[in-house]
N, C-alpha and C. Protein backbone atom coordinates (compact mmCIF):
# COMPACT_ATOMS: atom_id res chain seq x y z
N MET A 1 -59.42 24.16 70.50
CA MET A 1 -59.03 22.79 70.36
C MET A 1 -57.64 22.69 69.80
N LEU A 2 -56.81 21.81 70.40
CA LEU A 2 -55.43 21.64 69.97
C LEU A 2 -55.32 20.46 69.00
N SER A 3 -54.43 20.62 68.02
CA SER A 3 -54.11 19.50 67.15
C SER A 3 -52.59 19.47 66.95
N VAL A 4 -52.02 18.27 66.76
CA VAL A 4 -50.58 18.15 66.61
C VAL A 4 -50.15 18.73 65.26
N ASP A 5 -49.10 19.55 65.29
CA ASP A 5 -48.57 20.13 64.06
C ASP A 5 -47.26 19.46 63.64
N HIS A 6 -46.30 19.37 64.58
CA HIS A 6 -45.00 18.77 64.24
C HIS A 6 -44.22 18.41 65.49
N VAL A 7 -43.14 17.67 65.26
CA VAL A 7 -42.13 17.40 66.29
C VAL A 7 -40.91 18.23 65.92
N GLY A 8 -40.37 18.97 66.88
CA GLY A 8 -39.22 19.81 66.66
C GLY A 8 -37.94 19.09 67.03
N TYR A 9 -36.96 19.13 66.12
CA TYR A 9 -35.65 18.51 66.34
C TYR A 9 -34.58 19.61 66.41
N ALA A 10 -33.78 19.59 67.44
CA ALA A 10 -32.61 20.48 67.52
C ALA A 10 -31.48 19.78 66.80
N VAL A 11 -30.86 20.47 65.85
CA VAL A 11 -29.75 19.90 65.07
C VAL A 11 -28.61 20.91 65.01
N LYS A 12 -27.39 20.41 65.08
CA LYS A 12 -26.23 21.28 65.04
C LYS A 12 -25.92 21.75 63.63
N LYS A 13 -26.06 20.85 62.65
CA LYS A 13 -25.73 21.16 61.26
C LYS A 13 -26.93 20.82 60.37
N MET A 14 -27.55 21.86 59.80
CA MET A 14 -28.78 21.69 59.04
C MET A 14 -28.57 20.77 57.84
N GLU A 15 -27.56 21.00 57.04
CA GLU A 15 -27.36 20.21 55.82
C GLU A 15 -27.18 18.74 56.10
N ARG A 16 -26.43 18.42 57.13
CA ARG A 16 -26.21 17.02 57.51
C ARG A 16 -27.53 16.36 57.93
N ALA A 17 -28.31 17.09 58.70
CA ALA A 17 -29.60 16.55 59.18
C ALA A 17 -30.56 16.35 57.98
N LEU A 18 -30.59 17.32 57.07
CA LEU A 18 -31.47 17.20 55.91
C LEU A 18 -31.12 15.96 55.11
N LYS A 19 -29.85 15.77 54.82
CA LYS A 19 -29.42 14.61 54.03
C LYS A 19 -29.77 13.28 54.73
N ALA A 20 -29.53 13.21 56.04
CA ALA A 20 -29.81 11.99 56.77
C ALA A 20 -31.31 11.67 56.78
N LEU A 21 -32.16 12.69 56.95
CA LEU A 21 -33.58 12.47 57.01
C LEU A 21 -34.20 12.25 55.63
N GLU A 22 -33.60 12.84 54.60
CA GLU A 22 -34.08 12.57 53.24
C GLU A 22 -33.85 11.11 52.87
N LEU A 23 -32.76 10.51 53.37
CA LEU A 23 -32.52 9.09 53.16
C LEU A 23 -33.61 8.22 53.76
N LEU A 24 -34.25 8.71 54.82
CA LEU A 24 -35.36 7.99 55.43
C LEU A 24 -36.67 8.20 54.66
N GLY A 25 -36.72 9.17 53.78
CA GLY A 25 -37.92 9.41 53.01
C GLY A 25 -38.60 10.75 53.24
N TYR A 26 -38.05 11.59 54.09
CA TYR A 26 -38.62 12.93 54.31
C TYR A 26 -38.36 13.82 53.11
N THR A 27 -39.31 14.71 52.82
CA THR A 27 -39.10 15.77 51.87
C THR A 27 -39.19 17.10 52.62
N PHE A 28 -38.34 18.04 52.22
CA PHE A 28 -38.23 19.29 52.95
C PHE A 28 -38.51 20.49 52.06
N GLY A 29 -38.98 21.55 52.72
CA GLY A 29 -39.15 22.84 52.05
C GLY A 29 -37.87 23.61 52.19
N ASP A 30 -37.96 24.90 51.96
CA ASP A 30 -36.80 25.80 52.04
C ASP A 30 -36.40 26.02 53.53
N VAL A 31 -35.13 26.30 53.74
CA VAL A 31 -34.66 26.69 55.06
C VAL A 31 -35.09 28.14 55.31
N ILE A 32 -35.67 28.37 56.47
CA ILE A 32 -36.18 29.69 56.85
C ILE A 32 -35.23 30.29 57.89
N ALA A 33 -34.70 31.47 57.64
CA ALA A 33 -33.86 32.15 58.60
C ALA A 33 -34.72 32.98 59.54
N ASP A 34 -34.57 32.73 60.83
CA ASP A 34 -35.28 33.51 61.85
C ASP A 34 -34.20 34.23 62.65
N SER A 35 -33.82 35.39 62.18
CA SER A 35 -32.69 36.13 62.83
C SER A 35 -33.09 36.66 64.19
N ASP A 36 -34.36 36.90 64.45
CA ASP A 36 -34.78 37.34 65.76
C ASP A 36 -34.47 36.31 66.82
N ARG A 37 -34.65 35.03 66.49
CA ARG A 37 -34.40 33.93 67.43
C ARG A 37 -33.01 33.31 67.24
N LYS A 38 -32.28 33.77 66.24
CA LYS A 38 -30.93 33.23 65.96
C LYS A 38 -30.95 31.77 65.58
N ILE A 39 -31.96 31.38 64.78
CA ILE A 39 -32.10 29.98 64.35
C ILE A 39 -32.45 29.93 62.86
N ASN A 40 -32.15 28.79 62.27
CA ASN A 40 -32.64 28.42 60.95
C ASN A 40 -33.61 27.25 61.16
N ILE A 41 -34.68 27.26 60.38
CA ILE A 41 -35.74 26.27 60.53
C ILE A 41 -36.03 25.65 59.17
N CYS A 42 -36.33 24.36 59.18
CA CYS A 42 -36.76 23.71 57.93
C CYS A 42 -37.79 22.65 58.27
N PHE A 43 -38.95 22.69 57.58
CA PHE A 43 -40.02 21.73 57.81
C PHE A 43 -39.91 20.58 56.82
N GLY A 44 -40.12 19.38 57.31
CA GLY A 44 -40.13 18.20 56.45
C GLY A 44 -41.35 17.37 56.71
N GLU A 45 -41.68 16.50 55.76
CA GLU A 45 -42.85 15.66 55.91
C GLU A 45 -42.63 14.29 55.29
N MET A 46 -43.22 13.28 55.90
CA MET A 46 -43.22 11.93 55.36
C MET A 46 -44.50 11.24 55.84
N ASN A 47 -45.28 10.75 54.91
CA ASN A 47 -46.52 10.03 55.22
C ASN A 47 -47.45 10.81 56.17
N GLY A 48 -47.54 12.12 56.00
CA GLY A 48 -48.39 12.93 56.84
C GLY A 48 -47.79 13.30 58.19
N TYR A 49 -46.59 12.85 58.46
CA TYR A 49 -45.89 13.15 59.71
C TYR A 49 -44.95 14.32 59.44
N ARG A 50 -45.09 15.40 60.23
CA ARG A 50 -44.34 16.64 59.96
C ARG A 50 -43.30 16.85 61.07
N ILE A 51 -42.08 17.22 60.64
CA ILE A 51 -41.04 17.55 61.60
C ILE A 51 -40.50 18.94 61.27
N GLU A 52 -39.84 19.53 62.28
CA GLU A 52 -39.20 20.83 62.13
C GLU A 52 -37.77 20.68 62.59
N LEU A 53 -36.81 21.01 61.73
CA LEU A 53 -35.41 21.04 62.13
C LEU A 53 -35.08 22.45 62.57
N VAL A 54 -34.48 22.57 63.74
CA VAL A 54 -34.10 23.87 64.30
C VAL A 54 -32.60 23.87 64.54
N CYS A 55 -31.92 24.77 63.88
CA CYS A 55 -30.45 24.81 63.92
C CYS A 55 -30.00 26.22 64.34
N PRO A 56 -29.04 26.32 65.25
CA PRO A 56 -28.57 27.65 65.65
C PRO A 56 -27.85 28.36 64.51
N GLN A 57 -28.07 29.67 64.42
CA GLN A 57 -27.34 30.48 63.46
C GLN A 57 -25.99 30.92 64.04
N CYS A 58 -26.02 31.12 65.38
CA CYS A 58 -24.84 31.58 66.09
C CYS A 58 -25.06 31.31 67.59
N ALA A 59 -24.07 31.62 68.37
CA ALA A 59 -24.22 31.44 69.83
C ALA A 59 -25.37 32.27 70.33
N GLY A 60 -26.07 31.76 71.34
CA GLY A 60 -27.17 32.50 71.96
C GLY A 60 -28.54 32.11 71.42
N SER A 61 -28.59 31.03 70.63
CA SER A 61 -29.89 30.59 70.13
C SER A 61 -30.63 29.78 71.19
N PRO A 62 -31.95 29.64 71.09
CA PRO A 62 -32.69 28.89 72.09
C PRO A 62 -32.43 27.39 72.10
N VAL A 63 -31.74 26.86 71.06
CA VAL A 63 -31.46 25.40 71.05
C VAL A 63 -30.02 25.10 71.46
N ASP A 64 -29.23 26.08 71.79
CA ASP A 64 -27.84 25.84 72.19
C ASP A 64 -27.75 24.85 73.34
N ASP A 65 -28.52 25.08 74.40
CA ASP A 65 -28.43 24.22 75.58
C ASP A 65 -28.91 22.81 75.29
N VAL A 66 -29.95 22.67 74.46
CA VAL A 66 -30.44 21.34 74.09
C VAL A 66 -29.35 20.57 73.39
N ILE A 67 -28.72 21.18 72.39
CA ILE A 67 -27.67 20.49 71.63
C ILE A 67 -26.48 20.19 72.53
N LEU A 68 -26.10 21.13 73.38
CA LEU A 68 -24.97 20.92 74.28
C LEU A 68 -25.20 19.76 75.21
N LYS A 69 -26.40 19.66 75.79
CA LYS A 69 -26.71 18.63 76.77
C LYS A 69 -27.07 17.29 76.15
N LEU A 70 -27.80 17.32 75.01
CA LEU A 70 -28.35 16.08 74.46
C LEU A 70 -27.86 15.74 73.07
N GLY A 71 -27.22 16.69 72.38
CA GLY A 71 -26.85 16.45 70.99
C GLY A 71 -28.05 16.67 70.09
N ASN A 72 -27.99 16.20 68.88
CA ASN A 72 -29.11 16.32 67.93
C ASN A 72 -30.23 15.44 68.46
N THR A 73 -31.41 16.03 68.63
CA THR A 73 -32.49 15.28 69.28
C THR A 73 -33.85 15.93 69.09
N PRO A 74 -34.91 15.14 69.09
CA PRO A 74 -36.26 15.75 69.18
C PRO A 74 -36.36 16.42 70.56
N TYR A 75 -36.97 17.60 70.61
CA TYR A 75 -37.04 18.28 71.90
C TYR A 75 -38.36 18.96 72.19
N HIS A 76 -39.26 19.08 71.22
CA HIS A 76 -40.57 19.63 71.54
C HIS A 76 -41.63 19.12 70.60
N LEU A 77 -42.86 19.09 71.09
CA LEU A 77 -44.04 18.84 70.26
C LEU A 77 -44.74 20.17 70.05
N CYS A 78 -45.22 20.39 68.83
CA CYS A 78 -45.94 21.62 68.54
C CYS A 78 -47.40 21.29 68.26
N TYR A 79 -48.26 22.10 68.83
CA TYR A 79 -49.71 21.96 68.63
C TYR A 79 -50.24 23.23 68.03
N CYS A 80 -51.26 23.12 67.19
CA CYS A 80 -52.00 24.27 66.65
C CYS A 80 -53.19 24.53 67.54
N SER A 81 -53.50 25.80 67.72
CA SER A 81 -54.60 26.21 68.58
C SER A 81 -55.60 27.05 67.80
N ASP A 82 -56.88 26.72 67.96
CA ASP A 82 -57.96 27.53 67.42
C ASP A 82 -58.17 28.80 68.24
N SER A 83 -57.78 28.74 69.51
CA SER A 83 -57.97 29.87 70.43
C SER A 83 -56.78 29.92 71.37
N LEU A 84 -55.73 30.62 70.94
CA LEU A 84 -54.47 30.64 71.70
C LEU A 84 -54.66 31.13 73.12
N GLU A 85 -55.36 32.22 73.30
CA GLU A 85 -55.52 32.80 74.65
C GLU A 85 -56.24 31.82 75.57
N GLU A 86 -57.29 31.22 75.07
CA GLU A 86 -58.07 30.25 75.87
C GLU A 86 -57.25 29.01 76.20
N ASP A 87 -56.55 28.46 75.22
CA ASP A 87 -55.74 27.27 75.46
C ASP A 87 -54.59 27.58 76.42
N LEU A 88 -53.96 28.73 76.28
CA LEU A 88 -52.90 29.14 77.22
C LEU A 88 -53.43 29.22 78.64
N ARG A 89 -54.57 29.85 78.80
CA ARG A 89 -55.16 29.99 80.14
C ARG A 89 -55.41 28.61 80.74
N ASP A 90 -55.97 27.68 79.97
CA ASP A 90 -56.22 26.33 80.47
C ASP A 90 -54.95 25.56 80.81
N LEU A 91 -53.95 25.68 79.94
CA LEU A 91 -52.70 24.98 80.18
C LEU A 91 -51.96 25.51 81.41
N ILE A 92 -51.94 26.82 81.54
CA ILE A 92 -51.29 27.44 82.71
C ILE A 92 -52.03 27.05 83.99
N LYS A 93 -53.33 27.07 83.93
CA LYS A 93 -54.15 26.63 85.07
C LYS A 93 -53.87 25.17 85.43
N GLY A 94 -53.54 24.34 84.41
CA GLY A 94 -53.25 22.93 84.62
C GLY A 94 -51.79 22.64 85.00
N GLY A 95 -50.97 23.69 85.16
CA GLY A 95 -49.61 23.45 85.65
C GLY A 95 -48.49 23.75 84.69
N TYR A 96 -48.82 24.07 83.42
CA TYR A 96 -47.77 24.41 82.47
C TYR A 96 -47.22 25.80 82.80
N LYS A 97 -45.95 26.00 82.51
CA LYS A 97 -45.29 27.29 82.74
C LYS A 97 -44.82 27.83 81.39
N VAL A 98 -45.07 29.11 81.17
CA VAL A 98 -44.59 29.74 79.93
C VAL A 98 -43.09 29.95 80.04
N VAL A 99 -42.34 29.44 79.07
CA VAL A 99 -40.89 29.64 79.08
C VAL A 99 -40.45 30.62 78.00
N ILE A 100 -41.21 30.73 76.90
CA ILE A 100 -40.97 31.75 75.89
C ILE A 100 -42.37 32.33 75.57
N PRO A 101 -42.61 33.58 75.97
CA PRO A 101 -43.94 34.20 75.75
C PRO A 101 -44.33 34.21 74.27
N ALA A 102 -45.64 34.36 74.05
CA ALA A 102 -46.17 34.42 72.69
C ALA A 102 -45.56 35.56 71.89
N GLN A 103 -45.08 35.22 70.70
CA GLN A 103 -44.54 36.23 69.80
C GLN A 103 -44.66 35.75 68.38
N GLU A 104 -44.68 36.70 67.45
CA GLU A 104 -44.81 36.36 66.04
C GLU A 104 -43.59 35.55 65.59
N ALA A 105 -43.83 34.59 64.69
CA ALA A 105 -42.75 33.74 64.18
C ALA A 105 -42.72 33.74 62.68
N VAL A 106 -41.54 34.00 62.14
CA VAL A 106 -41.31 34.01 60.71
C VAL A 106 -41.72 32.67 60.07
N ALA A 107 -41.41 31.58 60.73
CA ALA A 107 -41.67 30.24 60.19
C ALA A 107 -43.17 29.93 60.05
N PHE A 108 -44.00 30.71 60.76
CA PHE A 108 -45.45 30.51 60.69
C PHE A 108 -46.16 31.77 60.14
N ASP A 109 -45.48 32.43 59.19
CA ASP A 109 -46.04 33.58 58.51
C ASP A 109 -46.55 34.66 59.46
N GLY A 110 -45.82 34.91 60.53
CA GLY A 110 -46.19 35.96 61.47
C GLY A 110 -47.21 35.57 62.52
N LYS A 111 -47.68 34.32 62.49
CA LYS A 111 -48.59 33.89 63.56
C LYS A 111 -47.80 33.76 64.86
N ARG A 112 -48.50 33.92 65.96
CA ARG A 112 -47.84 33.85 67.26
C ARG A 112 -47.58 32.41 67.71
N VAL A 113 -46.45 32.23 68.35
CA VAL A 113 -46.09 30.95 68.96
C VAL A 113 -45.70 31.19 70.42
N VAL A 114 -45.93 30.20 71.25
CA VAL A 114 -45.53 30.28 72.65
C VAL A 114 -44.99 28.93 73.04
N PHE A 115 -43.96 28.93 73.89
CA PHE A 115 -43.40 27.68 74.40
C PHE A 115 -43.74 27.55 75.89
N LEU A 116 -44.17 26.35 76.26
CA LEU A 116 -44.56 26.05 77.63
C LEU A 116 -43.82 24.80 78.09
N TYR A 117 -43.69 24.64 79.38
CA TYR A 117 -43.03 23.47 79.95
C TYR A 117 -43.89 22.87 81.05
N SER A 118 -43.91 21.56 81.08
CA SER A 118 -44.57 20.82 82.14
C SER A 118 -43.62 19.71 82.59
N LEU A 119 -43.48 19.54 83.90
CA LEU A 119 -42.62 18.45 84.40
C LEU A 119 -43.13 17.10 83.90
N ALA A 120 -44.41 16.98 83.66
CA ALA A 120 -45.00 15.71 83.24
C ALA A 120 -44.66 15.34 81.80
N VAL A 121 -44.55 16.34 80.89
CA VAL A 121 -44.34 16.04 79.48
C VAL A 121 -43.20 16.80 78.81
N GLY A 122 -42.59 17.74 79.49
CA GLY A 122 -41.49 18.50 78.90
C GLY A 122 -41.97 19.72 78.14
N LEU A 123 -41.21 20.06 77.10
CA LEU A 123 -41.42 21.30 76.35
C LEU A 123 -42.45 21.09 75.23
N ILE A 124 -43.38 22.05 75.12
CA ILE A 124 -44.34 22.06 74.02
C ILE A 124 -44.37 23.47 73.42
N GLU A 125 -44.81 23.53 72.16
CA GLU A 125 -44.98 24.77 71.48
C GLU A 125 -46.45 24.83 71.04
N ILE A 126 -47.03 26.01 71.15
CA ILE A 126 -48.41 26.21 70.65
C ILE A 126 -48.35 27.32 69.59
N VAL A 127 -48.93 27.07 68.45
CA VAL A 127 -49.00 28.08 67.38
C VAL A 127 -50.45 28.35 67.10
N GLU A 128 -50.77 29.63 66.91
CA GLU A 128 -52.17 29.96 66.60
C GLU A 128 -52.44 29.63 65.14
N LYS A 129 -53.68 29.17 64.88
CA LYS A 129 -54.09 28.87 63.50
C LYS A 129 -54.37 30.15 62.75
């Protein structure tokens, strides 16, 4: 069973984004460096609504194209999965395409995440519980 975890925002400058969103009422945890993916990540929350800021550390990060084409923007929904393999099988069968295969993620304490794309809804991320 899938449940919504967060909305991911691609941002060019982490500190500027944090300040702007804190003015809206979000509170944030620590910035997490994910050197394998060349990104910095920070989770924030307001009224039970969770967001993830994703900022490139250097050229070659997975959010470079998003920021180049769209600027700072929400770009993915993340869902938690009780059964990653089963949910992946069902989503792929339903037309989703894997764009970044399942791999451990520092931001989720080593749990696996996978990114999928559907023409109908765009980019989603699935993280195992």
